[in-house]
N, C-alpha and C. Protein backbone atom coordinates (compact mmCIF):
# COMPACT_ATOMS: atom_id res chain seq x y z
N MET A 1 -3.51 -10.83 -10.01
CA MET A 1 -3.36 -11.69 -11.20
C MET A 1 -1.80 -11.88 -11.22
N TYR A 2 -1.43 -12.65 -11.53
CA TYR A 2 0.01 -12.76 -11.91
C TYR A 2 0.62 -13.49 -13.03
N LEU A 3 1.55 -13.05 -13.87
CA LEU A 3 2.16 -13.14 -15.07
C LEU A 3 1.92 -14.39 -15.72
N ASP A 4 2.20 -15.29 -15.00
CA ASP A 4 1.65 -16.52 -15.51
C ASP A 4 0.31 -16.93 -16.09
N GLU A 5 -0.57 -16.22 -15.31
CA GLU A 5 -1.95 -16.27 -15.18
C GLU A 5 -2.70 -15.42 -16.64
N ALA A 6 -1.94 -14.50 -17.43
CA ALA A 6 -2.42 -13.58 -18.22
C ALA A 6 -2.81 -14.24 -19.74
N GLU A 7 -3.52 -14.20 -20.29
CA GLU A 7 -3.87 -14.62 -21.39
C GLU A 7 -3.09 -14.41 -22.83
N VAL A 8 -2.61 -15.02 -23.63
CA VAL A 8 -1.98 -14.52 -24.98
C VAL A 8 -2.87 -14.98 -26.21
N ILE A 9 -3.06 -14.22 -27.05
CA ILE A 9 -3.41 -14.02 -28.17
C ILE A 9 -2.56 -13.80 -29.50
N GLU A 10 -2.34 -15.08 -29.77
CA GLU A 10 -1.48 -14.88 -31.19
C GLU A 10 -2.30 -14.76 -32.18
N PRO A 11 -2.85 -13.92 -32.85
CA PRO A 11 -3.33 -13.72 -34.24
C PRO A 11 -2.05 -14.21 -35.42
N PRO A 12 -2.67 -14.93 -36.24
CA PRO A 12 -1.54 -15.34 -37.55
C PRO A 12 -1.15 -14.25 -38.43
N ASP A 13 0.13 -14.15 -38.82
CA ASP A 13 0.61 -13.33 -39.55
C ASP A 13 0.36 -11.90 -39.34
N GLU A 14 0.66 -11.49 -38.14
CA GLU A 14 0.41 -10.37 -37.35
C GLU A 14 2.04 -9.82 -37.23
N SER A 15 2.12 -8.43 -36.75
CA SER A 15 3.06 -8.06 -36.56
C SER A 15 3.59 -8.45 -35.05
N PRO A 16 4.86 -8.74 -34.61
CA PRO A 16 5.28 -9.15 -33.24
C PRO A 16 5.07 -8.39 -32.24
N TYR A 17 4.35 -6.85 -32.53
CA TYR A 17 3.88 -5.74 -31.58
C TYR A 17 2.17 -6.23 -31.60
N LEU A 18 1.62 -6.86 -32.34
CA LEU A 18 0.61 -7.29 -32.21
C LEU A 18 -0.10 -8.62 -31.61
N LEU A 19 1.10 -9.29 -31.46
CA LEU A 19 0.70 -10.51 -30.93
C LEU A 19 -0.11 -10.82 -29.39
N GLU A 20 -0.25 -9.78 -28.64
CA GLU A 20 -0.62 -9.74 -27.23
C GLU A 20 -1.74 -8.96 -26.90
N ALA A 21 -2.82 -9.52 -26.86
CA ALA A 21 -3.95 -8.65 -25.92
C ALA A 21 -3.25 -8.25 -24.91
N VAL A 22 -3.35 -7.18 -24.82
CA VAL A 22 -2.98 -5.91 -23.48
C VAL A 22 -3.82 -5.60 -22.72
N PRO A 23 -3.89 -6.18 -20.98
CA PRO A 23 -4.63 -5.72 -20.07
C PRO A 23 -4.93 -4.42 -20.07
N PRO A 24 -6.05 -4.04 -19.72
CA PRO A 24 -6.17 -2.48 -19.43
C PRO A 24 -5.63 -2.02 -18.11
N HIS A 25 -4.81 -2.71 -17.12
CA HIS A 25 -4.26 -2.35 -16.10
C HIS A 25 -2.92 -1.92 -16.92
N VAL A 26 -2.11 -2.35 -18.30
CA VAL A 26 -1.06 -2.15 -18.81
C VAL A 26 -1.16 -1.37 -19.65
N VAL A 27 0.17 -0.39 -19.70
CA VAL A 27 0.02 0.54 -20.56
C VAL A 27 1.39 0.72 -21.24
N GLY A 28 1.43 0.90 -22.67
CA GLY A 28 3.00 0.92 -23.25
C GLY A 28 3.35 2.56 -23.26
N PRO A 29 4.24 2.84 -22.74
CA PRO A 29 4.59 4.54 -22.33
C PRO A 29 5.55 4.92 -23.56
N THR A 30 5.90 4.21 -24.46
CA THR A 30 6.55 4.42 -25.59
C THR A 30 6.15 4.17 -26.66
N HIS A 31 6.28 4.71 -27.82
CA HIS A 31 5.87 4.71 -29.39
C HIS A 31 7.23 5.22 -29.94
N GLY A 32 7.06 4.84 -31.27
CA GLY A 32 7.98 4.81 -31.95
C GLY A 32 8.27 3.95 -33.39
N PRO A 33 9.42 4.17 -33.97
CA PRO A 33 9.38 3.87 -35.24
C PRO A 33 9.90 2.11 -34.88
N ARG A 34 9.64 1.31 -35.82
CA ARG A 34 9.45 -0.57 -35.70
C ARG A 34 10.69 -1.02 -34.67
N ASP A 35 11.62 -0.16 -34.38
CA ASP A 35 12.91 -0.84 -33.81
C ASP A 35 12.86 -0.34 -32.47
N THR A 36 11.58 0.54 -32.16
CA THR A 36 11.82 0.80 -30.77
C THR A 36 11.60 0.07 -29.59
N PRO A 37 12.20 -0.22 -28.28
CA PRO A 37 12.12 -1.51 -27.85
C PRO A 37 10.68 -1.28 -27.41
N VAL A 38 9.93 -2.11 -26.64
CA VAL A 38 8.51 -2.03 -26.14
C VAL A 38 8.82 -2.49 -24.79
N LEU A 39 7.71 -1.30 -24.01
CA LEU A 39 8.16 -1.15 -22.74
C LEU A 39 6.28 -1.40 -22.00
N LEU A 40 6.17 -2.20 -21.11
CA LEU A 40 4.98 -2.37 -20.77
C LEU A 40 4.81 -2.15 -19.10
N LEU A 41 3.80 -1.33 -18.68
CA LEU A 41 4.07 -0.74 -17.43
C LEU A 41 2.82 -1.28 -16.58
N ASP A 42 2.93 -2.42 -16.29
CA ASP A 42 1.77 -2.90 -15.78
C ASP A 42 1.35 -2.48 -14.16
N THR A 43 0.25 -1.55 -13.89
CA THR A 43 -0.31 -0.67 -12.69
C THR A 43 -0.43 -1.97 -11.52
N GLU A 44 -0.85 -3.29 -11.97
CA GLU A 44 -1.35 -4.09 -10.98
C GLU A 44 0.22 -4.73 -10.03
N LEU A 45 0.85 -4.99 -11.03
CA LEU A 45 1.85 -5.90 -10.50
C LEU A 45 3.29 -4.64 -9.97
N GLY A 46 2.74 -3.49 -10.48
CA GLY A 46 3.45 -2.43 -10.07
C GLY A 46 5.04 -2.71 -10.75
N VAL A 47 5.37 -3.29 -12.09
CA VAL A 47 6.56 -3.30 -12.44
C VAL A 47 6.71 -2.72 -13.73
N VAL A 48 7.51 -2.66 -14.68
CA VAL A 48 7.65 -2.33 -16.04
C VAL A 48 8.74 -3.21 -16.53
N CYS A 49 8.27 -3.50 -17.57
CA CYS A 49 8.87 -4.97 -18.29
C CYS A 49 9.39 -4.25 -19.71
N THR A 50 10.01 -5.28 -20.33
CA THR A 50 10.89 -5.01 -21.87
C THR A 50 10.65 -5.95 -22.53
N GLY A 51 10.70 -5.88 -23.74
CA GLY A 51 10.23 -7.29 -24.31
C GLY A 51 9.10 -7.40 -24.30
N SER A 52 8.44 -8.50 -24.91
CA SER A 52 7.21 -9.54 -24.69
C SER A 52 6.70 -10.03 -23.27
N SER A 53 5.57 -9.17 -22.78
CA SER A 53 5.33 -10.10 -21.57
C SER A 53 5.30 -11.91 -21.35
N ALA A 54 5.19 -12.24 -23.10
CA ALA A 54 5.15 -13.36 -23.13
C ALA A 54 6.48 -13.69 -22.18
N LEU A 55 7.50 -13.48 -22.56
CA LEU A 55 8.32 -13.68 -22.42
C LEU A 55 8.74 -13.28 -21.01
N ALA A 56 8.25 -12.31 -20.38
CA ALA A 56 8.40 -12.27 -18.44
C ALA A 56 7.53 -13.03 -18.12
N ARG A 57 6.71 -13.73 -19.05
CA ARG A 57 5.82 -15.01 -17.85
C ARG A 57 6.73 -15.95 -18.00
N SER A 58 7.22 -16.51 -18.98
CA SER A 58 8.10 -17.91 -19.18
C SER A 58 9.25 -17.18 -18.39
N GLY A 59 9.85 -16.68 -17.59
CA GLY A 59 11.24 -16.26 -16.86
C GLY A 59 12.04 -16.20 -17.46
N ARG A 60 11.98 -15.97 -18.95
CA ARG A 60 13.39 -16.29 -19.58
C ARG A 60 14.20 -14.82 -19.31
N ALA A 61 15.67 -14.69 -19.23
CA ALA A 61 16.40 -13.80 -19.00
C ALA A 61 16.31 -12.28 -19.73
N ASP A 62 15.93 -12.81 -21.12
CA ASP A 62 15.86 -11.60 -21.44
C ASP A 62 14.65 -10.74 -22.01
N ALA A 63 13.86 -11.12 -20.58
CA ALA A 63 12.54 -10.28 -20.68
C ALA A 63 12.87 -9.25 -19.31
N ALA A 64 13.28 -8.62 -19.30
CA ALA A 64 13.88 -7.63 -17.95
C ALA A 64 13.03 -6.88 -17.14
N ALA A 65 12.65 -6.65 -16.01
CA ALA A 65 11.55 -6.04 -15.57
C ALA A 65 11.87 -5.69 -14.41
N TRP A 66 11.55 -4.10 -14.18
CA TRP A 66 12.10 -3.30 -12.77
C TRP A 66 10.70 -2.86 -11.94
N ALA A 67 10.69 -2.84 -10.81
CA ALA A 67 9.78 -2.51 -10.05
C ALA A 67 9.77 -0.50 -10.65
N ILE A 68 8.35 0.02 -10.62
CA ILE A 68 8.08 1.13 -11.09
C ILE A 68 8.88 2.11 -10.89
N VAL A 69 8.99 2.51 -9.39
CA VAL A 69 9.85 3.19 -8.87
C VAL A 69 11.45 3.17 -9.04
N ASP A 70 11.91 1.86 -8.91
CA ASP A 70 13.26 1.82 -9.30
C ASP A 70 13.52 1.67 -11.19
N PHE A 71 12.44 2.10 -12.11
CA PHE A 71 12.56 2.39 -13.26
C PHE A 71 12.79 3.60 -13.70
N PHE A 72 11.32 4.42 -13.05
CA PHE A 72 12.00 5.64 -13.21
C PHE A 72 13.29 6.65 -12.74
N LYS A 73 13.70 5.58 -11.81
CA LYS A 73 14.55 6.60 -10.63
C LYS A 73 16.51 6.23 -11.92
N ILE A 74 16.13 5.16 -12.66
CA ILE A 74 17.28 4.56 -13.56
C ILE A 74 17.07 5.93 -14.84
N LEU A 75 15.87 5.69 -15.26
CA LEU A 75 15.52 6.63 -16.40
C LEU A 75 15.57 8.02 -15.94
N ASN A 76 15.43 8.36 -14.86
CA ASN A 76 16.31 9.72 -14.20
C ASN A 76 17.61 9.95 -14.32
N ASP A 77 18.25 9.19 -13.82
CA ASP A 77 19.29 9.13 -13.56
C ASP A 77 20.34 9.03 -15.20
N GLN A 78 19.98 8.49 -16.03
CA GLN A 78 19.88 8.36 -17.57
C GLN A 78 20.27 9.63 -18.11
N TYR A 79 19.02 10.86 -17.82
CA TYR A 79 19.23 11.89 -18.17
C TYR A 79 19.78 12.92 -17.73
N SER A 80 19.47 12.59 -16.44
CA SER A 80 20.60 13.50 -15.69
C SER A 80 22.13 13.70 -15.67
N ASP A 81 22.66 12.00 -16.21
CA ASP A 81 24.13 11.79 -16.50
C ASP A 81 24.32 12.45 -18.00
N LEU A 82 23.50 12.57 -18.90
CA LEU A 82 23.49 12.67 -20.14
C LEU A 82 23.76 11.59 -21.09
N HIS A 83 23.31 10.12 -20.78
CA HIS A 83 23.37 9.19 -21.21
C HIS A 83 22.24 8.92 -22.50
N PHE A 84 21.23 9.78 -21.95
CA PHE A 84 20.13 9.95 -22.88
C PHE A 84 20.36 11.63 -23.09
N ILE A 85 20.19 12.13 -24.23
CA ILE A 85 20.49 13.21 -24.73
C ILE A 85 19.18 14.10 -25.45
N PRO A 86 17.91 14.27 -24.76
CA PRO A 86 16.85 15.02 -25.58
C PRO A 86 17.64 16.49 -26.84
N VAL A 87 17.63 16.25 -27.99
CA VAL A 87 18.17 17.08 -28.67
C VAL A 87 17.23 18.25 -29.53
N ASN A 88 15.69 17.67 -29.21
CA ASN A 88 14.35 18.27 -29.69
C ASN A 88 13.19 17.99 -29.01
N SER A 89 12.06 18.11 -29.52
CA SER A 89 10.77 18.07 -28.59
C SER A 89 10.44 16.41 -28.87
N ARG A 90 11.22 15.85 -29.89
CA ARG A 90 10.91 14.50 -30.27
C ARG A 90 12.01 13.19 -30.47
N THR A 91 13.07 13.99 -30.48
CA THR A 91 14.17 13.01 -30.41
C THR A 91 15.30 12.92 -29.37
N VAL A 92 15.56 11.86 -28.91
CA VAL A 92 16.93 12.00 -27.54
C VAL A 92 17.52 10.87 -28.19
N VAL A 93 19.18 11.40 -28.09
CA VAL A 93 20.00 10.47 -28.58
C VAL A 93 20.27 9.32 -27.23
N ASP A 94 20.33 8.29 -27.54
CA ASP A 94 20.94 7.24 -26.86
C ASP A 94 22.16 6.84 -26.86
N VAL A 95 23.00 7.51 -26.03
CA VAL A 95 24.36 7.43 -25.91
C VAL A 95 25.14 5.81 -26.67
N TYR A 96 24.23 5.17 -25.60
CA TYR A 96 25.07 3.51 -25.54
C TYR A 96 24.53 2.90 -27.20
N ALA A 97 23.49 3.28 -27.92
CA ALA A 97 23.31 3.07 -29.10
C ALA A 97 24.26 3.50 -30.13
N THR A 98 24.35 5.01 -29.98
CA THR A 98 25.15 5.68 -30.72
C THR A 98 26.73 6.03 -30.77
N LEU A 99 27.32 5.37 -29.81
CA LEU A 99 28.60 5.04 -29.74
C LEU A 99 28.90 3.73 -30.57
N SER A 100 27.96 2.58 -30.67
CA SER A 100 28.33 1.43 -30.87
C SER A 100 28.52 1.64 -32.48
N HIS A 101 27.55 2.98 -33.26
CA HIS A 101 28.09 3.29 -34.75
C HIS A 101 28.70 4.63 -35.03
N GLY A 102 29.33 5.09 -33.92
CA GLY A 102 29.99 6.26 -34.21
C GLY A 102 29.46 7.38 -34.34
N ASN A 103 29.81 8.78 -33.79
CA ASN A 103 28.87 9.86 -33.77
C ASN A 103 29.37 11.13 -34.12
N ASP A 104 30.62 10.95 -34.79
CA ASP A 104 31.56 12.29 -35.60
C ASP A 104 31.16 13.30 -33.89
N GLY A 105 31.74 13.12 -32.96
CA GLY A 105 31.60 13.85 -31.75
C GLY A 105 30.44 14.49 -31.49
N MET A 106 29.43 13.99 -31.95
CA MET A 106 28.40 15.22 -31.51
C MET A 106 27.79 15.00 -30.05
N ILE A 107 28.11 13.58 -29.88
CA ILE A 107 27.73 13.01 -28.22
C ILE A 107 28.41 14.24 -27.30
N GLU A 108 29.74 14.00 -27.60
CA GLU A 108 30.34 15.18 -26.59
C GLU A 108 29.84 16.40 -26.37
N THR A 109 29.58 16.87 -27.92
CA THR A 109 29.46 18.40 -27.95
C THR A 109 27.93 18.71 -27.74
N PHE A 110 26.79 18.04 -27.63
CA PHE A 110 25.56 17.82 -26.79
C PHE A 110 26.03 17.96 -25.14
N GLN A 111 26.35 16.87 -24.93
CA GLN A 111 26.59 17.04 -23.43
C GLN A 111 27.43 18.33 -22.79
N LYS A 112 28.69 18.90 -23.64
CA LYS A 112 29.05 20.14 -23.18
C LYS A 112 28.54 21.17 -23.33
N ILE A 113 27.32 21.20 -24.57
CA ILE A 113 26.44 22.29 -24.29
C ILE A 113 25.49 22.25 -23.25
N TYR A 114 24.63 20.88 -22.73
CA TYR A 114 23.99 21.01 -22.10
C TYR A 114 24.68 21.14 -20.59
N ARG A 115 25.80 20.96 -20.32
CA ARG A 115 26.74 21.53 -19.02
C ARG A 115 26.82 22.98 -19.27
N GLU A 116 27.25 23.19 -20.43
CA GLU A 116 27.89 25.02 -20.19
C GLU A 116 26.18 25.69 -20.06
N HIS A 117 24.75 25.13 -20.27
CA HIS A 117 23.44 25.95 -19.70
C HIS A 117 23.09 25.02 -18.59
N GLY A 118 24.26 24.74 -17.71
CA GLY A 118 23.45 24.87 -16.13
C GLY A 118 22.95 23.22 -16.21
N TRP A 119 23.33 22.71 -16.70
CA TRP A 119 22.68 20.80 -16.46
C TRP A 119 23.42 20.34 -15.88
N PRO A 120 23.13 19.40 -14.66
CA PRO A 120 21.76 19.20 -14.23
C PRO A 120 21.12 19.90 -13.42
N ASP A 121 21.61 21.48 -12.57
CA ASP A 121 21.01 21.76 -12.17
C ASP A 121 19.66 22.43 -12.65
N LEU A 122 18.61 22.34 -12.13
CA LEU A 122 17.56 22.75 -12.68
C LEU A 122 17.14 24.14 -11.92
N GLU A 123 18.14 25.07 -11.10
CA GLU A 123 17.65 26.08 -11.15
C GLU A 123 18.69 26.72 -12.12
N ARG A 124 19.70 26.40 -12.16
CA ARG A 124 20.45 27.17 -13.24
C ARG A 124 20.56 26.98 -14.70
N TYR A 125 19.57 25.68 -14.73
CA TYR A 125 19.68 25.54 -16.30
C TYR A 125 18.51 26.35 -17.01
N ARG A 126 19.15 26.53 -18.24
CA ARG A 126 18.49 27.60 -19.43
C ARG A 126 18.12 26.73 -20.45
N LYS A 127 17.18 26.27 -20.33
CA LYS A 127 16.49 25.75 -21.40
C LYS A 127 16.02 26.13 -22.87
N ARG A 128 15.54 27.23 -22.83
CA ARG A 128 15.84 28.12 -24.11
C ARG A 128 16.71 27.94 -25.18
N GLU A 129 18.05 28.62 -24.07
CA GLU A 129 19.43 29.00 -24.68
C GLU A 129 20.04 27.50 -24.99
N CYS A 130 19.69 26.67 -24.30
CA CYS A 130 20.17 25.40 -24.52
C CYS A 130 19.75 24.70 -25.81
N MET A 131 18.32 24.39 -25.85
CA MET A 131 18.13 24.13 -27.20
C MET A 131 18.37 24.79 -28.20
N GLU A 132 18.30 25.72 -28.05
CA GLU A 132 18.80 26.41 -29.36
C GLU A 132 20.31 26.53 -29.69
N ALA A 133 21.27 26.18 -29.11
CA ALA A 133 22.28 26.00 -29.25
C ALA A 133 22.31 24.50 -29.98
N ILE A 134 21.93 23.72 -28.96
CA ILE A 134 21.35 22.23 -29.79
C ILE A 134 21.33 22.09 -31.06
N ARG A 135 20.25 22.97 -31.45
CA ARG A 135 19.69 23.10 -32.78
C ARG A 135 20.57 23.39 -33.67
N ILE A 136 21.87 24.37 -33.69
CA ILE A 136 22.45 24.67 -34.75
C ILE A 136 23.52 23.81 -34.26
N ALA A 137 24.11 23.30 -33.41
CA ALA A 137 25.28 22.59 -33.16
C ALA A 137 25.98 21.52 -34.31
N PRO A 138 25.00 20.95 -34.45
CA PRO A 138 25.59 20.01 -35.66
C PRO A 138 26.64 20.81 -37.04
N ALA A 139 25.23 21.75 -37.83
CA ALA A 139 26.07 22.14 -38.49
C ALA A 139 27.21 22.97 -38.09
N GLU A 140 27.59 23.81 -37.15
CA GLU A 140 28.48 24.29 -36.40
C GLU A 140 29.70 23.37 -36.27
N ASN A 141 29.86 22.68 -36.06
CA ASN A 141 30.61 21.37 -35.13
C ASN A 141 30.69 20.17 -35.95
N CYS A 142 30.08 19.89 -36.35
CA CYS A 142 29.90 18.18 -37.20
C CYS A 142 29.15 18.18 -38.05
N PRO A 143 29.53 19.10 -39.50
CA PRO A 143 28.77 19.09 -40.57
C PRO A 143 28.39 17.35 -40.88
N ASP A 144 29.26 16.59 -40.83
CA ASP A 144 28.98 15.41 -41.14
C ASP A 144 27.95 14.31 -40.04
N TYR A 145 27.12 15.42 -39.33
CA TYR A 145 26.61 14.66 -38.40
C TYR A 145 25.12 14.33 -38.84
């Protein structure tokens, strides 16, 4: 099935996140607050799309799509390069979003801590020690964070 053949159901007065019937071969691998970007992984087409799949079907430029393999390679690179920084089991700091709002030096502090603990060399990386250092870093280095 091609994207332009998919049905769109638009119930009245519903959240934008509920505007579409998602077929069983499409999964949403992300979950978060209202402003979390919507990602849809289409196992039939082999793509990951952002935004509304209706936008993707219409060919509009604001609905990005990647081959699944390429998407996860990009994601892996973003974590390896510490552009996405896990600070605990539930929170990831997005360097791109945070830099535009100011970060009181915490981005650089978190990146330094990761590198001091062996990142990105997974054979040298000391996760427990790193996560403990990340946990206490705001209080020690940037109390206003």
